[in-house]
Amino acid sequence: MPVGVEYDDKGSGDGVGVGSKFPVTALTARLLTLLSLIISVVVLKTND
């Protein structure tokens, strides 16, 4: 797979890309990580 070409919009499965939902799930995983970690810090700091 050439560097820089990572997915196609159609999710055709032709070996060139990894499908149209791939970047959305990648961003969602990052955002979920951030949200979870922020909640963790807030609760930890306020627990006394």
ModelCIF file with pLDDT and N, C-alpha, C, O atoms, coordinates in Angstrom:
data_MODEL
#
_entry.id   MODEL 
#
_entity.id                         1 
_entity.type                       polymer 
_entity.pdbx_number_of_molecules   1 
#
_entity_poly.entity_id                      1 
_entity_poly.type                           'polypeptide(L)' 
_entity_poly.nstd_linkage                   no 
_entity_poly.nstd_monomer                   no 
_entity_poly.pdbx_seq_one_letter_code       MPVGVEYDDKGSGDGVGVGSKFPVTALTARLLTLLSLIISVVVLKTND 
_entity_poly.pdbx_seq_one_letter_code_can   MPVGVEYDDKGSGDGVGVGSKFPVTALTARLLTLLSLIISVVVLKTND 
_entity_poly.pdbx_strand_id                 A 
#
loop_
_entity_poly_seq.entity_id 
_entity_poly_seq.num 
_entity_poly_seq.mon_id 
_entity_poly_seq.hetero 
1 1  MET n 
1 2  PRO n 
1 3  VAL n 
1 4  GLY n 
1 5  VAL n 
1 6  GLU n 
1 7  TYR n 
1 8  ASP n 
1 9  ASP n 
1 10 LYS n 
1 11 GLY n 
1 12 SER n 
1 13 GLY n 
1 14 ASP n 
1 15 GLY n 
1 16 VAL n 
1 17 GLY n 
1 18 VAL n 
1 19 GLY n 
1 20 SER n 
1 21 LYS n 
1 22 PHE n 
1 23 PRO n 
1 24 VAL n 
1 25 THR n 
1 26 ALA n 
1 27 LEU n 
1 28 THR n 
1 29 ALA n 
1 30 ARG n 
1 31 LEU n 
1 32 LEU n 
1 33 THR n 
1 34 LEU n 
1 35 LEU n 
1 36 SER n 
1 37 LEU n 
1 38 ILE n 
1 39 ILE n 
1 40 SER n 
1 41 VAL n 
1 42 VAL n 
1 43 VAL n 
1 44 LEU n 
1 45 LYS n 
1 46 THR n 
1 47 ASN n 
1 48 ASP n 
#
_struct_asym.id          A 
_struct_asym.entity_id   1 
#
loop_
_ma_qa_metric.id 
_ma_qa_metric.mode 
_ma_qa_metric.name 
_ma_qa_metric.software_group_id 
_ma_qa_metric.type 
1 global pLDDT . pLDDT 
2 local  pLDDT . pLDDT 
#
_ma_qa_metric_global.metric_id      1 
_ma_qa_metric_global.metric_value   74.81 
_ma_qa_metric_global.model_id       1 
_ma_qa_metric_global.ordinal_id     1 
#
loop_
_ma_qa_metric_local.label_asym_id 
_ma_qa_metric_local.label_comp_id 
_ma_qa_metric_local.label_seq_id 
_ma_qa_metric_local.metric_id 
_ma_qa_metric_local.metric_value 
_ma_qa_metric_local.model_id 
_ma_qa_metric_local.ordinal_id 
A MET 1  2 45.00 1 1  
A PRO 2  2 47.00 1 2  
A VAL 3  2 49.00 1 3  
A GLY 4  2 48.00 1 4  
A VAL 5  2 46.00 1 5  
A GLU 6  2 50.00 1 6  
A TYR 7  2 51.00 1 7  
A ASP 8  2 50.00 1 8  
A ASP 9  2 50.00 1 9  
A LYS 10 2 51.00 1 10 
A GLY 11 2 47.00 1 11 
A SER 12 2 44.00 1 12 
A GLY 13 2 45.00 1 13 
A ASP 14 2 42.00 1 14 
A GLY 15 2 41.00 1 15 
A VAL 16 2 39.00 1 16 
A GLY 17 2 47.00 1 17 
A VAL 18 2 51.00 1 18 
A GLY 19 2 54.00 1 19 
A SER 20 2 65.00 1 20 
A LYS 21 2 80.00 1 21 
A PHE 22 2 80.00 1 22 
A PRO 23 2 84.00 1 23 
A VAL 24 2 89.00 1 24 
A THR 25 2 88.00 1 25 
A ALA 26 2 88.00 1 26 
A LEU 27 2 91.00 1 27 
A THR 28 2 94.00 1 28 
A ALA 29 2 94.00 1 29 
A ARG 30 2 94.00 1 30 
A LEU 31 2 96.00 1 31 
A LEU 32 2 97.00 1 32 
A THR 33 2 97.00 1 33 
A LEU 34 2 97.00 1 34 
A LEU 35 2 98.00 1 35 
A SER 36 2 98.00 1 36 
A LEU 37 2 98.00 1 37 
A ILE 38 2 98.00 1 38 
A ILE 39 2 98.00 1 39 
A SER 40 2 97.00 1 40 
A VAL 41 2 98.00 1 41 
A VAL 42 2 98.00 1 42 
A VAL 43 2 97.00 1 43 
A LEU 44 2 97.00 1 44 
A LYS 45 2 97.00 1 45 
A THR 46 2 96.00 1 46 
A ASN 47 2 95.00 1 47 
A ASP 48 2 95.00 1 48 
#
loop_
_atom_site.group_PDB 
_atom_site.id 
_atom_site.type_symbol 
_atom_site.label_atom_id 
_atom_site.label_alt_id 
_atom_site.label_comp_id 
_atom_site.label_asym_id 
_atom_site.label_entity_id 
_atom_site.label_seq_id 
_atom_site.pdbx_PDB_ins_code 
_atom_site.Cartn_x 
_atom_site.Cartn_y 
_atom_site.Cartn_z 
_atom_site.occupancy 
_atom_site.B_iso_or_equiv 
_atom_site.pdbx_formal_charge 
_atom_site.auth_seq_id 
_atom_site.auth_comp_id 
_atom_site.auth_asym_id 
_atom_site.auth_atom_id 
_atom_site.pdbx_PDB_model_num 
ATOM 1   N N  . MET A 1 1  ? 0.848   -1.182 0.000  1.00 45.00 ? 1  MET A N  1 
ATOM 2   C CA . MET A 1 1  ? 0.000   0.000  0.000  1.00 45.00 ? 1  MET A CA 1 
ATOM 3   C C  . MET A 1 1  ? 0.886   1.235  0.000  1.00 45.00 ? 1  MET A C  1 
ATOM 4   O O  . MET A 1 1  ? 1.775   1.341  0.845  1.00 45.00 ? 1  MET A O  1 
ATOM 5   N N  . PRO A 1 2  ? 0.673   2.185  -0.929 1.00 47.00 ? 2  PRO A N  1 
ATOM 6   C CA . PRO A 1 2  ? 1.511   3.379  -0.953 1.00 47.00 ? 2  PRO A CA 1 
ATOM 7   C C  . PRO A 1 2  ? 1.264   4.254  0.260  1.00 47.00 ? 2  PRO A C  1 
ATOM 8   O O  . PRO A 1 2  ? 0.134   4.372  0.735  1.00 47.00 ? 2  PRO A O  1 
ATOM 9   N N  . VAL A 1 3  ? 2.339   4.872  0.763  1.00 49.00 ? 3  VAL A N  1 
ATOM 10  C CA . VAL A 1 3  ? 2.223   5.762  1.913  1.00 49.00 ? 3  VAL A CA 1 
ATOM 11  C C  . VAL A 1 3  ? 1.432   6.989  1.490  1.00 49.00 ? 3  VAL A C  1 
ATOM 12  O O  . VAL A 1 3  ? 1.684   7.553  0.425  1.00 49.00 ? 3  VAL A O  1 
ATOM 13  N N  . GLY A 1 4  ? 0.485   7.403  2.309  1.00 48.00 ? 4  GLY A N  1 
ATOM 14  C CA . GLY A 1 4  ? -0.324  8.592  2.034  1.00 48.00 ? 4  GLY A CA 1 
ATOM 15  C C  . GLY A 1 4  ? -1.686  8.246  1.474  1.00 48.00 ? 4  GLY A C  1 
ATOM 16  O O  . GLY A 1 4  ? -2.626  9.021  1.650  1.00 48.00 ? 4  GLY A O  1 
ATOM 17  N N  . VAL A 1 5  ? -1.832  7.107  0.805  1.00 46.00 ? 5  VAL A N  1 
ATOM 18  C CA . VAL A 1 5  ? -3.137  6.675  0.319  1.00 46.00 ? 5  VAL A CA 1 
ATOM 19  C C  . VAL A 1 5  ? -3.617  5.628  1.302  1.00 46.00 ? 5  VAL A C  1 
ATOM 20  O O  . VAL A 1 5  ? -3.143  4.493  1.283  1.00 46.00 ? 5  VAL A O  1 
ATOM 21  N N  . GLU A 1 6  ? -4.548  5.997  2.154  1.00 50.00 ? 6  GLU A N  1 
ATOM 22  C CA . GLU A 1 6  ? -4.884  5.116  3.261  1.00 50.00 ? 6  GLU A CA 1 
ATOM 23  C C  . GLU A 1 6  ? -6.289  4.520  3.204  1.00 50.00 ? 6  GLU A C  1 
ATOM 24  O O  . GLU A 1 6  ? -6.518  3.450  3.767  1.00 50.00 ? 6  GLU A O  1 
ATOM 25  N N  . TYR A 1 7  ? -7.222  5.177  2.548  1.00 51.00 ? 7  TYR A N  1 
ATOM 26  C CA . TYR A 1 7  ? -8.549  4.602  2.474  1.00 51.00 ? 7  TYR A CA 1 
ATOM 27  C C  . TYR A 1 7  ? -9.307  5.205  1.323  1.00 51.00 ? 7  TYR A C  1 
ATOM 28  O O  . TYR A 1 7  ? -8.991  6.300  0.858  1.00 51.00 ? 7  TYR A O  1 
ATOM 29  N N  . ASP A 1 8  ? -10.293 4.496  0.874  1.00 50.00 ? 8  ASP A N  1 
ATOM 30  C CA . ASP A 1 8  ? -11.137 5.054  -0.176 1.00 50.00 ? 8  ASP A CA 1 
ATOM 31  C C  . ASP A 1 8  ? -12.543 5.225  0.368  1.00 50.00 ? 8  ASP A C  1 
ATOM 32  O O  . ASP A 1 8  ? -12.971 4.491  1.259  1.00 50.00 ? 8  ASP A O  1 
ATOM 33  N N  . ASP A 1 9  ? -13.252 6.194  -0.175 1.00 50.00 ? 9  ASP A N  1 
ATOM 34  C CA . ASP A 1 9  ? -14.592 6.522  0.312  1.00 50.00 ? 9  ASP A CA 1 
ATOM 35  C C  . ASP A 1 9  ? -15.592 5.400  0.114  1.00 50.00 ? 9  ASP A C  1 
ATOM 36  O O  . ASP A 1 9  ? -16.548 5.280  0.880  1.00 50.00 ? 9  ASP A O  1 
ATOM 37  N N  . LYS A 1 10 ? -15.389 4.595  -0.881 1.00 51.00 ? 10 LYS A N  1 
ATOM 38  C CA . LYS A 1 10 ? -16.372 3.566  -1.202 1.00 51.00 ? 10 LYS A CA 1 
ATOM 39  C C  . LYS A 1 10 ? -16.195 2.313  -0.359 1.00 51.00 ? 10 LYS A C  1 
ATOM 40  O O  . LYS A 1 10 ? -17.091 1.472  -0.290 1.00 51.00 ? 10 LYS A O  1 
ATOM 41  N N  . GLY A 1 11 ? -15.031 2.189  0.286  1.00 47.00 ? 11 GLY A N  1 
ATOM 42  C CA . GLY A 1 11 ? -14.782 0.984  1.073  1.00 47.00 ? 11 GLY A CA 1 
ATOM 43  C C  . GLY A 1 11 ? -14.811 -0.244 0.196  1.00 47.00 ? 11 GLY A C  1 
ATOM 44  O O  . GLY A 1 11 ? -15.341 -1.285 0.585  1.00 47.00 ? 11 GLY A O  1 
ATOM 45  N N  . SER A 1 12 ? -14.235 -0.122 -1.000 1.00 44.00 ? 12 SER A N  1 
ATOM 46  C CA . SER A 1 12 ? -14.368 -1.168 -2.009 1.00 44.00 ? 12 SER A CA 1 
ATOM 47  C C  . SER A 1 12 ? -13.643 -2.459 -1.658 1.00 44.00 ? 12 SER A C  1 
ATOM 48  O O  . SER A 1 12 ? -13.951 -3.519 -2.202 1.00 44.00 ? 12 SER A O  1 
ATOM 49  N N  . GLY A 1 13 ? -12.685 -2.368 -0.753 1.00 45.00 ? 13 GLY A N  1 
ATOM 50  C CA . GLY A 1 13 ? -11.964 -3.579 -0.373 1.00 45.00 ? 13 GLY A CA 1 
ATOM 51  C C  . GLY A 1 13 ? -11.038 -4.067 -1.464 1.00 45.00 ? 13 GLY A C  1 
ATOM 52  O O  . GLY A 1 13 ? -10.745 -5.260 -1.534 1.00 45.00 ? 13 GLY A O  1 
ATOM 53  N N  . ASP A 1 14 ? -10.563 -3.161 -2.329 1.00 42.00 ? 14 ASP A N  1 
ATOM 54  C CA . ASP A 1 14 ? -9.692  -3.553 -3.432 1.00 42.00 ? 14 ASP A CA 1 
ATOM 55  C C  . ASP A 1 14 ? -8.223  -3.637 -3.032 1.00 42.00 ? 14 ASP A C  1 
ATOM 56  O O  . ASP A 1 14 ? -7.363  -3.802 -3.897 1.00 42.00 ? 14 ASP A O  1 
ATOM 57  N N  . GLY A 1 15 ? -7.923  -3.530 -1.769 1.00 41.00 ? 15 GLY A N  1 
ATOM 58  C CA . GLY A 1 15 ? -6.547  -3.646 -1.313 1.00 41.00 ? 15 GLY A CA 1 
ATOM 59  C C  . GLY A 1 15 ? -5.832  -2.313 -1.212 1.00 41.00 ? 15 GLY A C  1 
ATOM 60  O O  . GLY A 1 15 ? -4.762  -2.239 -0.610 1.00 41.00 ? 15 GLY A O  1 
ATOM 61  N N  . VAL A 1 16 ? -6.396  -1.253 -1.788 1.00 39.00 ? 16 VAL A N  1 
ATOM 62  C CA . VAL A 1 16 ? -5.745  0.049  -1.741 1.00 39.00 ? 16 VAL A CA 1 
ATOM 63  C C  . VAL A 1 16 ? -6.045  0.762  -0.444 1.00 39.00 ? 16 VAL A C  1 
ATOM 64  O O  . VAL A 1 16 ? -5.161  1.421  0.103  1.00 39.00 ? 16 VAL A O  1 
ATOM 65  N N  . GLY A 1 17 ? -7.232  0.660  0.060  1.00 47.00 ? 17 GLY A N  1 
ATOM 66  C CA . GLY A 1 17 ? -7.620  1.371  1.268  1.00 47.00 ? 17 GLY A CA 1 
ATOM 67  C C  . GLY A 1 17 ? -8.199  0.440  2.295  1.00 47.00 ? 17 GLY A C  1 
ATOM 68  O O  . GLY A 1 17 ? -8.245  -0.775 2.102  1.00 47.00 ? 17 GLY A O  1 
ATOM 69  N N  . VAL A 1 18 ? -8.638  1.013  3.380  1.00 51.00 ? 18 VAL A N  1 
ATOM 70  C CA . VAL A 1 18 ? -9.182  0.187  4.453  1.00 51.00 ? 18 VAL A CA 1 
ATOM 71  C C  . VAL A 1 18 ? -10.635 0.505  4.749  1.00 51.00 ? 18 VAL A C  1 
ATOM 72  O O  . VAL A 1 18 ? -11.138 0.117  5.804  1.00 51.00 ? 18 VAL A O  1 
ATOM 73  N N  . GLY A 1 19 ? -11.324 1.193  3.860  1.00 54.00 ? 19 GLY A N  1 
ATOM 74  C CA . GLY A 1 19 ? -12.751 1.415  4.026  1.00 54.00 ? 19 GLY A CA 1 
ATOM 75  C C  . GLY A 1 19 ? -13.080 2.803  4.530  1.00 54.00 ? 19 GLY A C  1 
ATOM 76  O O  . GLY A 1 19 ? -12.243 3.472  5.135  1.00 54.00 ? 19 GLY A O  1 
ATOM 77  N N  . SER A 1 20 ? -14.294 3.225  4.279  1.00 65.00 ? 20 SER A N  1 
ATOM 78  C CA . SER A 1 20 ? -14.697 4.598  4.563  1.00 65.00 ? 20 SER A CA 1 
ATOM 79  C C  . SER A 1 20 ? -14.910 4.881  6.044  1.00 65.00 ? 20 SER A C  1 
ATOM 80  O O  . SER A 1 20 ? -14.855 6.042  6.451  1.00 65.00 ? 20 SER A O  1 
ATOM 81  N N  . LYS A 1 21 ? -15.146 3.886  6.844  1.00 80.00 ? 21 LYS A N  1 
ATOM 82  C CA . LYS A 1 21 ? -15.388 4.102  8.283  1.00 80.00 ? 21 LYS A CA 1 
ATOM 83  C C  . LYS A 1 21 ? -14.098 4.160  9.087  1.00 80.00 ? 21 LYS A C  1 
ATOM 84  O O  . LYS A 1 21 ? -14.111 4.548  10.255 1.00 80.00 ? 21 LYS A O  1 
ATOM 85  N N  . PHE A 1 22 ? -13.007 3.783  8.482  1.00 80.00 ? 22 PHE A N  1 
ATOM 86  C CA . PHE A 1 22 ? -11.727 3.709  9.180  1.00 80.00 ? 22 PHE A CA 1 
ATOM 87  C C  . PHE A 1 22 ? -11.302 5.029  9.821  1.00 80.00 ? 22 PHE A C  1 
ATOM 88  O O  . PHE A 1 22 ? -10.976 5.030  11.008 1.00 80.00 ? 22 PHE A O  1 
ATOM 89  N N  . PRO A 1 23 ? -11.288 6.153  9.100  1.00 84.00 ? 23 PRO A N  1 
ATOM 90  C CA . PRO A 1 23 ? -10.851 7.408  9.732  1.00 84.00 ? 23 PRO A CA 1 
ATOM 91  C C  . PRO A 1 23 ? -11.824 7.905  10.790 1.00 84.00 ? 23 PRO A C  1 
ATOM 92  O O  . PRO A 1 23 ? -11.417 8.564  11.746 1.00 84.00 ? 23 PRO A O  1 
ATOM 93  N N  . VAL A 1 24 ? -13.089 7.598  10.629 1.00 89.00 ? 24 VAL A N  1 
ATOM 94  C CA . VAL A 1 24 ? -14.082 8.009  11.629 1.00 89.00 ? 24 VAL A CA 1 
ATOM 95  C C  . VAL A 1 24 ? -13.857 7.244  12.926 1.00 89.00 ? 24 VAL A C  1 
ATOM 96  O O  . VAL A 1 24 ? -13.906 7.827  14.009 1.00 89.00 ? 24 VAL A O  1 
ATOM 97  N N  . THR A 1 25 ? -13.612 5.951  12.821 1.00 88.00 ? 25 THR A N  1 
ATOM 98  C CA . THR A 1 25 ? -13.367 5.175  14.041 1.00 88.00 ? 25 THR A CA 1 
ATOM 99  C C  . THR A 1 25 ? -12.031 5.550  14.673 1.00 88.00 ? 25 THR A C  1 
ATOM 100 O O  . THR A 1 25 ? -11.895 5.523  15.896 1.00 88.00 ? 25 THR A O  1 
ATOM 101 N N  . ALA A 1 26 ? -11.046 5.900  13.851 1.00 88.00 ? 26 ALA A N  1 
ATOM 102 C CA . ALA A 1 26 ? -9.758  6.331  14.400 1.00 88.00 ? 26 ALA A CA 1 
ATOM 103 C C  . ALA A 1 26 ? -9.918  7.619  15.210 1.00 88.00 ? 26 ALA A C  1 
ATOM 104 O O  . ALA A 1 26 ? -9.386  7.736  16.314 1.00 88.00 ? 26 ALA A O  1 
ATOM 105 N N  . LEU A 1 27 ? -10.651 8.579  14.655 1.00 91.00 ? 27 LEU A N  1 
ATOM 106 C CA . LEU A 1 27 ? -10.895 9.834  15.379 1.00 91.00 ? 27 LEU A CA 1 
ATOM 107 C C  . LEU A 1 27 ? -11.768 9.600  16.602 1.00 91.00 ? 27 LEU A C  1 
ATOM 108 O O  . LEU A 1 27 ? -11.516 10.182 17.657 1.00 91.00 ? 27 LEU A O  1 
ATOM 109 N N  . THR A 1 28 ? -12.787 8.761  16.481 1.00 94.00 ? 28 THR A N  1 
ATOM 110 C CA . THR A 1 28 ? -13.668 8.455  17.615 1.00 94.00 ? 28 THR A CA 1 
ATOM 111 C C  . THR A 1 28 ? -12.894 7.821  18.757 1.00 94.00 ? 28 THR A C  1 
ATOM 112 O O  . THR A 1 28 ? -13.126 8.142  19.923 1.00 94.00 ? 28 THR A O  1 
ATOM 113 N N  . ALA A 1 29 ? -11.982 6.927  18.429 1.00 94.00 ? 29 ALA A N  1 
ATOM 114 C CA . ALA A 1 29 ? -11.160 6.293  19.471 1.00 94.00 ? 29 ALA A CA 1 
ATOM 115 C C  . ALA A 1 29 ? -10.294 7.328  20.180 1.00 94.00 ? 29 ALA A C  1 
ATOM 116 O O  . ALA A 1 29 ? -10.152 7.281  21.402 1.00 94.00 ? 29 ALA A O  1 
ATOM 117 N N  . ARG A 1 30 ? -9.719  8.252  19.437 1.00 94.00 ? 30 ARG A N  1 
ATOM 118 C CA . ARG A 1 30 ? -8.904  9.321  20.050 1.00 94.00 ? 30 ARG A CA 1 
ATOM 119 C C  . ARG A 1 30 ? -9.766  10.203 20.948 1.00 94.00 ? 30 ARG A C  1 
ATOM 120 O O  . ARG A 1 30 ? -9.364  10.541 22.061 1.00 94.00 ? 30 ARG A O  1 
ATOM 121 N N  . LEU A 1 31 ? -10.951 10.575 20.465 1.00 96.00 ? 31 LEU A N  1 
ATOM 122 C CA . LEU A 1 31 ? -11.833 11.434 21.263 1.00 96.00 ? 31 LEU A CA 1 
ATOM 123 C C  . LEU A 1 31 ? -12.333 10.712 22.519 1.00 96.00 ? 31 LEU A C  1 
ATOM 124 O O  . LEU A 1 31 ? -12.433 11.317 23.586 1.00 96.00 ? 31 LEU A O  1 
ATOM 125 N N  . LEU A 1 32 ? -12.644 9.436  22.391 1.00 97.00 ? 32 LEU A N  1 
ATOM 126 C CA . LEU A 1 32 ? -13.068 8.652  23.555 1.00 97.00 ? 32 LEU A CA 1 
ATOM 127 C C  . LEU A 1 32 ? -11.939 8.544  24.575 1.00 97.00 ? 32 LEU A C  1 
ATOM 128 O O  . LEU A 1 32 ? -12.172 8.632  25.780 1.00 97.00 ? 32 LEU A O  1 
ATOM 129 N N  . THR A 1 33 ? -10.726 8.354  24.089 1.00 97.00 ? 33 THR A N  1 
ATOM 130 C CA . THR A 1 33 ? -9.565  8.319  24.982 1.00 97.00 ? 33 THR A CA 1 
ATOM 131 C C  . THR A 1 33 ? -9.457  9.634  25.742 1.00 97.00 ? 33 THR A C  1 
ATOM 132 O O  . THR A 1 33 ? -9.311  9.644  26.964 1.00 97.00 ? 33 THR A O  1 
ATOM 133 N N  . LEU A 1 34 ? -9.528  10.741 25.014 1.00 97.00 ? 34 LEU A N  1 
ATOM 134 C CA . LEU A 1 34 ? -9.403  12.064 25.638 1.00 97.00 ? 34 LEU A CA 1 
ATOM 135 C C  . LEU A 1 34 ? -10.503 12.300 26.661 1.00 97.00 ? 34 LEU A C  1 
ATOM 136 O O  . LEU A 1 34 ? -10.226 12.739 27.777 1.00 97.00 ? 34 LEU A O  1 
ATOM 137 N N  . LEU A 1 35 ? -11.727 12.019 26.301 1.00 98.00 ? 35 LEU A N  1 
ATOM 138 C CA . LEU A 1 35 ? -12.858 12.234 27.216 1.00 98.00 ? 35 LEU A CA 1 
ATOM 139 C C  . LEU A 1 35 ? -12.710 11.383 28.476 1.00 98.00 ? 35 LEU A C  1 
ATOM 140 O O  . LEU A 1 35 ? -12.907 11.879 29.586 1.00 98.00 ? 35 LEU A O  1 
ATOM 141 N N  . SER A 1 36 ? -12.371 10.131 28.314 1.00 98.00 ? 36 SER A N  1 
ATOM 142 C CA . SER A 1 36 ? -12.212 9.236  29.469 1.00 98.00 ? 36 SER A CA 1 
ATOM 143 C C  . SER A 1 36 ? -11.099 9.704  30.397 1.00 98.00 ? 36 SER A C  1 
ATOM 144 O O  . SER A 1 36 ? -11.250 9.685  31.619 1.00 98.00 ? 36 SER A O  1 
ATOM 145 N N  . LEU A 1 37 ? -9.985  10.124 29.816 1.00 98.00 ? 37 LEU A N  1 
ATOM 146 C CA . LEU A 1 37 ? -8.859  10.559 30.639 1.00 98.00 ? 37 LEU A CA 1 
ATOM 147 C C  . LEU A 1 37 ? -9.166  11.866 31.361 1.00 98.00 ? 37 LEU A C  1 
ATOM 148 O O  . LEU A 1 37 ? -8.762  12.046 32.510 1.00 98.00 ? 37 LEU A O  1 
ATOM 149 N N  . ILE A 1 38 ? -9.866  12.769 30.709 1.00 98.00 ? 38 ILE A N  1 
ATOM 150 C CA . ILE A 1 38 ? -10.244 14.030 31.367 1.00 98.00 ? 38 ILE A CA 1 
ATOM 151 C C  . ILE A 1 38 ? -11.183 13.758 32.535 1.00 98.00 ? 38 ILE A C  1 
ATOM 152 O O  . ILE A 1 38 ? -11.009 14.324 33.614 1.00 98.00 ? 38 ILE A O  1 
ATOM 153 N N  . ILE A 1 39 ? -12.171 12.905 32.331 1.00 98.00 ? 39 ILE A N  1 
ATOM 154 C CA . ILE A 1 39 ? -13.085 12.557 33.426 1.00 98.00 ? 39 ILE A CA 1 
ATOM 155 C C  . ILE A 1 39 ? -12.312 11.916 34.571 1.00 98.00 ? 39 ILE A C  1 
ATOM 156 O O  . ILE A 1 39 ? -12.574 12.210 35.737 1.00 98.00 ? 39 ILE A O  1 
ATOM 157 N N  . SER A 1 40 ? -11.376 11.057 34.251 1.00 97.00 ? 40 SER A N  1 
ATOM 158 C CA . SER A 1 40 ? -10.562 10.405 35.275 1.00 97.00 ? 40 SER A CA 1 
ATOM 159 C C  . SER A 1 40 ? -9.810  11.422 36.122 1.00 97.00 ? 40 SER A C  1 
ATOM 160 O O  . SER A 1 40 ? -9.807  11.326 37.349 1.00 97.00 ? 40 SER A O  1 
ATOM 161 N N  . VAL A 1 41 ? -9.175  12.393 35.478 1.00 98.00 ? 41 VAL A N  1 
ATOM 162 C CA . VAL A 1 41 ? -8.413  13.408 36.216 1.00 98.00 ? 41 VAL A CA 1 
ATOM 163 C C  . VAL A 1 41 ? -9.337  14.267 37.072 1.00 98.00 ? 41 VAL A C  1 
ATOM 164 O O  . VAL A 1 41 ? -9.017  14.565 38.223 1.00 98.00 ? 41 VAL A O  1 
ATOM 165 N N  . VAL A 1 42 ? -10.471 14.665 36.523 1.00 98.00 ? 42 VAL A N  1 
ATOM 166 C CA . VAL A 1 42 ? -11.403 15.530 37.266 1.00 98.00 ? 42 VAL A CA 1 
ATOM 167 C C  . VAL A 1 42 ? -11.910 14.821 38.521 1.00 98.00 ? 42 VAL A C  1 
ATOM 168 O O  . VAL A 1 42 ? -11.922 15.408 39.603 1.00 98.00 ? 42 VAL A O  1 
ATOM 169 N N  . VAL A 1 43 ? -12.323 13.578 38.382 1.00 97.00 ? 43 VAL A N  1 
ATOM 170 C CA . VAL A 1 43 ? -12.834 12.841 39.547 1.00 97.00 ? 43 VAL A CA 1 
ATOM 171 C C  . VAL A 1 43 ? -11.718 12.596 40.554 1.00 97.00 ? 43 VAL A C  1 
ATOM 172 O O  . VAL A 1 43 ? -11.936 12.709 41.760 1.00 97.00 ? 43 VAL A O  1 
ATOM 173 N N  . LEU A 1 44 ? -10.531 12.263 40.071 1.00 97.00 ? 44 LEU A N  1 
ATOM 174 C CA . LEU A 1 44 ? -9.406  12.026 40.973 1.00 97.00 ? 44 LEU A CA 1 
ATOM 175 C C  . LEU A 1 44 ? -9.044  13.283 41.754 1.00 97.00 ? 44 LEU A C  1 
ATOM 176 O O  . LEU A 1 44 ? -8.797  13.221 42.958 1.00 97.00 ? 44 LEU A O  1 
ATOM 177 N N  . LYS A 1 45 ? -9.012  14.415 41.073 1.00 97.00 ? 45 LYS A N  1 
ATOM 178 C CA . LYS A 1 45 ? -8.655  15.687 41.740 1.00 97.00 ? 45 LYS A CA 1 
ATOM 179 C C  . LYS A 1 45 ? -9.720  16.152 42.731 1.00 97.00 ? 45 LYS A C  1 
ATOM 180 O O  . LYS A 1 45 ? -9.397  16.798 43.727 1.00 97.00 ? 45 LYS A O  1 
ATOM 181 N N  . THR A 1 46 ? -10.975 15.831 42.468 1.00 96.00 ? 46 THR A N  1 
ATOM 182 C CA . THR A 1 46 ? -12.051 16.300 43.356 1.00 96.00 ? 46 THR A CA 1 
ATOM 183 C C  . THR A 1 46 ? -12.363 15.330 44.490 1.00 96.00 ? 46 THR A C  1 
ATOM 184 O O  . THR A 1 46 ? -13.141 15.660 45.385 1.00 96.00 ? 46 THR A O  1 
ATOM 185 N N  . ASN A 1 47 ? -11.777 14.155 44.465 1.00 95.00 ? 47 ASN A N  1 
ATOM 186 C CA . ASN A 1 47 ? -12.033 13.174 45.520 1.00 95.00 ? 47 ASN A CA 1 
ATOM 187 C C  . ASN A 1 47 ? -11.127 13.473 46.718 1.00 95.00 ? 47 ASN A C  1 
ATOM 188 O O  . ASN A 1 47 ? -9.917  13.254 46.659 1.00 95.00 ? 47 ASN A O  1 
ATOM 189 N N  . ASP A 1 48 ? -11.711 13.963 47.781 1.00 95.00 ? 48 ASP A N  1 
ATOM 190 C CA . ASP A 1 48 ? -10.969 14.161 49.027 1.00 95.00 ? 48 ASP A CA 1 
ATOM 191 C C  . ASP A 1 48 ? -11.912 13.948 50.206 1.00 95.00 ? 48 ASP A C  1 
ATOM 192 O O  . ASP A 1 48 ? -11.495 14.066 51.359 1.00 95.00 ? 48 ASP A O  1 
#
